[in-house]
C-alpha atoms as a PDB file:
ATOM      1  CA  MET A   1     -11.591 -15.397  -5.979  1.00  0.00           C
ATOM      2  CA  SER A   2     -10.952 -17.391  -2.819  1.00  0.00           C
ATOM      3  CA  GLU A   3     -10.984 -15.709   0.580  1.00  0.00           C
ATOM      4  CA  THR A   4      -7.366 -16.749   1.149  1.00  0.00           C
ATOM      5  CA  ILE A   5      -6.220 -14.981  -2.008  1.00  0.00           C
ATOM      6  CA  LYS A   6      -8.246 -11.860  -1.131  1.00  0.00           C
ATOM      7  CA  HIS A   7      -6.698 -11.732   2.345  1.00  0.00           C
ATOM      8  CA  TYR A   8      -3.218 -12.357   0.954  1.00  0.00           C
ATOM      9  CA  LEU A   9      -3.562  -9.518  -1.556  1.00  0.00           C
ATOM     10  CA  ARG A  10      -5.126  -7.181   1.005  1.00  0.00           C
ATOM     11  CA  ASP A  11      -2.289  -7.777   3.481  1.00  0.00           C
ATOM     12  CA  PHE A  12       0.432  -7.605   0.832  1.00  0.00           C
ATOM     13  CA  ILE A  13      -0.859  -4.307  -0.573  1.00  0.00           C
ATOM     14  CA  TYR A  14      -1.226  -2.853   2.930  1.00  0.00           C
ATOM     15  CA  ILE A  15       2.366  -3.801   3.821  1.00  0.00           C
ATOM     16  CA  LEU A  16       3.719  -2.339   0.568  1.00  0.00           C
ATOM     17  CA  LYS A  17       1.868   0.931   1.170  1.00  0.00           C
ATOM     18  CA  GLU A  18       2.997   1.066   4.790  1.00  0.00           C
ATOM     19  CA  GLU A  19       6.659   0.568   3.828  1.00  0.00           C
ATOM     20  CA  HIS A  20       6.352   3.147   1.043  1.00  0.00           C
ATOM     21  CA  GLN A  21       4.887   5.663   3.484  1.00  0.00           C
ATOM     22  CA  LYS A  22       7.707   5.095   5.980  1.00  0.00           C
ATOM     23  CA  LEU A  23      10.259   5.955   3.304  1.00  0.00           C
ATOM     24  CA  LYS A  24       8.258   9.009   2.199  1.00  0.00           C
ATOM     25  CA  GLU A  25       8.268  10.334   5.772  1.00  0.00           C
ATOM     26  CA  GLN A  26      12.010   9.884   6.306  1.00  0.00           C
ATOM     27  CA  SER A  27      14.367  12.744   5.732  1.00  0.00           C
ATOM     28  CA  ASN A  28      17.870  12.285   4.381  1.00  0.00           C
ATOM     29  CA  ASN A  29      17.114   9.078   2.520  1.00  0.00           C
ATOM     30  CA  SER A  30      20.072   7.297   1.003  1.00  0.00           C
ATOM     31  CA  GLU A  31      20.117   6.578  -2.717  1.00  0.00           C
ATOM     32  CA  PHE A  32      19.083   3.023  -1.867  1.00  0.00           C
ATOM     33  CA  ASP A  33      16.082   4.298   0.136  1.00  0.00           C
ATOM     34  CA  GLU A  34      15.068   6.600  -2.718  1.00  0.00           C
ATOM     35  CA  GLY A  35      15.277   3.671  -5.123  1.00  0.00           C
ATOM     36  CA  SER A  36      13.231   1.516  -2.750  1.00  0.00           C
ATOM     37  CA  LYS A  37      10.605   4.247  -2.439  1.00  0.00           C
ATOM     38  CA  PHE A  38      10.304   4.449  -6.224  1.00  0.00           C
ATOM     39  CA  THR A  39      10.109   0.652  -6.469  1.00  0.00           C
ATOM     40  CA  TYR A  40       7.266   0.455  -3.937  1.00  0.00           C
ATOM     41  CA  TYR A  41       5.398   3.087  -5.943  1.00  0.00           C
ATOM     42  CA  LYS A  42       5.944   1.245  -9.243  1.00  0.00           C
ATOM     43  CA  VAL A  43       4.916  -2.151  -7.812  1.00  0.00           C
ATOM     44  CA  LEU A  44       1.728  -0.662  -6.324  1.00  0.00           C
ATOM     45  CA  GLU A  45       0.934   1.100  -9.581  1.00  0.00           C
ATOM     46  CA  LEU A  46       1.489  -2.122 -11.525  1.00  0.00           C
ATOM     47  CA  MET A  47      -0.735  -4.090  -9.139  1.00  0.00           C
ATOM     48  CA  LYS A  48      -3.470  -1.457  -9.472  1.00  0.00           C
ATOM     49  CA  ASN A  49      -3.260  -1.394 -13.279  1.00  0.00           C
ATOM     50  CA  GLN A  50      -3.284  -5.186 -13.536  1.00  0.00           C
ATOM     51  CA  ALA A  51      -6.263  -5.480 -11.190  1.00  0.00           C
ATOM     52  CA  GLU A  52      -8.144  -2.973 -13.322  1.00  0.00           C
ATOM     53  CA  SER A  53      -7.135  -4.809 -16.520  1.00  0.00           C
ATOM     54  CA  PHE A  54      -8.546  -8.046 -15.108  1.00  0.00           C
ATOM     55  CA  ASP A  55     -11.702  -6.294 -13.847  1.00  0.00           C
ATOM     56  CA  ILE A  56     -10.806  -6.985 -10.221  1.00  0.00           C
ATOM     57  CA  ASP A  57     -12.564  -4.576  -7.889  1.00  0.00           C
ATOM     58  CA  LEU A  58      -9.875  -2.651  -5.999  1.00  0.00           C
ATOM     59  CA  GLU A  59     -12.095  -2.618  -2.903  1.00  0.00           C
ATOM     60  CA  LEU A  60     -12.318  -6.418  -3.031  1.00  0.00           C
ATOM     61  CA  ILE A  61      -8.550  -6.688  -2.578  1.00  0.00           C
ATOM     62  CA  GLY A  62      -8.332  -3.801  -0.110  1.00  0.00           C
ATOM     63  CA  PHE A  63      -6.346  -1.518  -2.354  1.00  0.00           C
ATOM     64  CA  HIS A  64      -7.454   1.580  -0.449  1.00  0.00           C
ATOM     65  CA  ASP A  65      -7.535   0.086   3.062  1.00  0.00           C
ATOM     66  CA  TYR A  66      -4.267   1.698   4.163  1.00  0.00           C
ATOM     67  CA  GLU A  67      -5.441   5.184   3.247  1.00  0.00           C
ATOM     68  CA  LYS A  68      -8.815   4.573   4.901  1.00  0.00           C
ATOM     69  CA  TYR A  69      -7.102   3.444   8.100  1.00  0.00           C
ATOM     70  CA  ILE A  70      -4.829   6.491   8.196  1.00  0.00           C
ATOM     71  CA  GLU A  71      -7.717   8.841   7.469  1.00  0.00           C
ATOM     72  CA  ALA A  72      -9.964   7.246  10.094  1.00  0.00           C
ATOM     73  CA  ASN A  73      -7.257   7.426  12.754  1.00  0.00           C
ATOM     74  CA  GLU A  74      -5.776  10.806  11.920  1.00  0.00           C
ATOM     75  CA  GLY A  75      -5.277  12.789  15.090  1.00  0.00           C
ATOM     76  CA  THR A  76      -6.139   9.865  17.382  1.00  0.00           C
ATOM     77  CA  GLY A  77      -2.609   8.524  17.837  1.00  0.00           C
ATOM     78  CA  HIS A  78      -3.771   5.152  16.463  1.00  0.00           C
ATOM     79  CA  ASN A  79      -2.037   5.562  13.127  1.00  0.00           C
ATOM     80  CA  LYS A  80       1.483   5.193  14.453  1.00  0.00           C
ATOM     81  CA  ARG A  81       3.516   3.038  12.115  1.00  0.00           C
END
């Protein structure tokens, strides 16, 4: 897999997870926001399942980078979205 594709997938997954998290943290979501939140979840789940089906290492495409960043910066103020 080319480096460009790896970086594209890593960034795309990170952005999807970040947007999903923003919606999860909001209170009083509209029906549209609730639908968007579900859609982010389903797209991420589909990407994960497809990567596994094609034997693509999830670490290679940064599938867990967002969670690692949040965990590493928890309590430091550096995980502001």
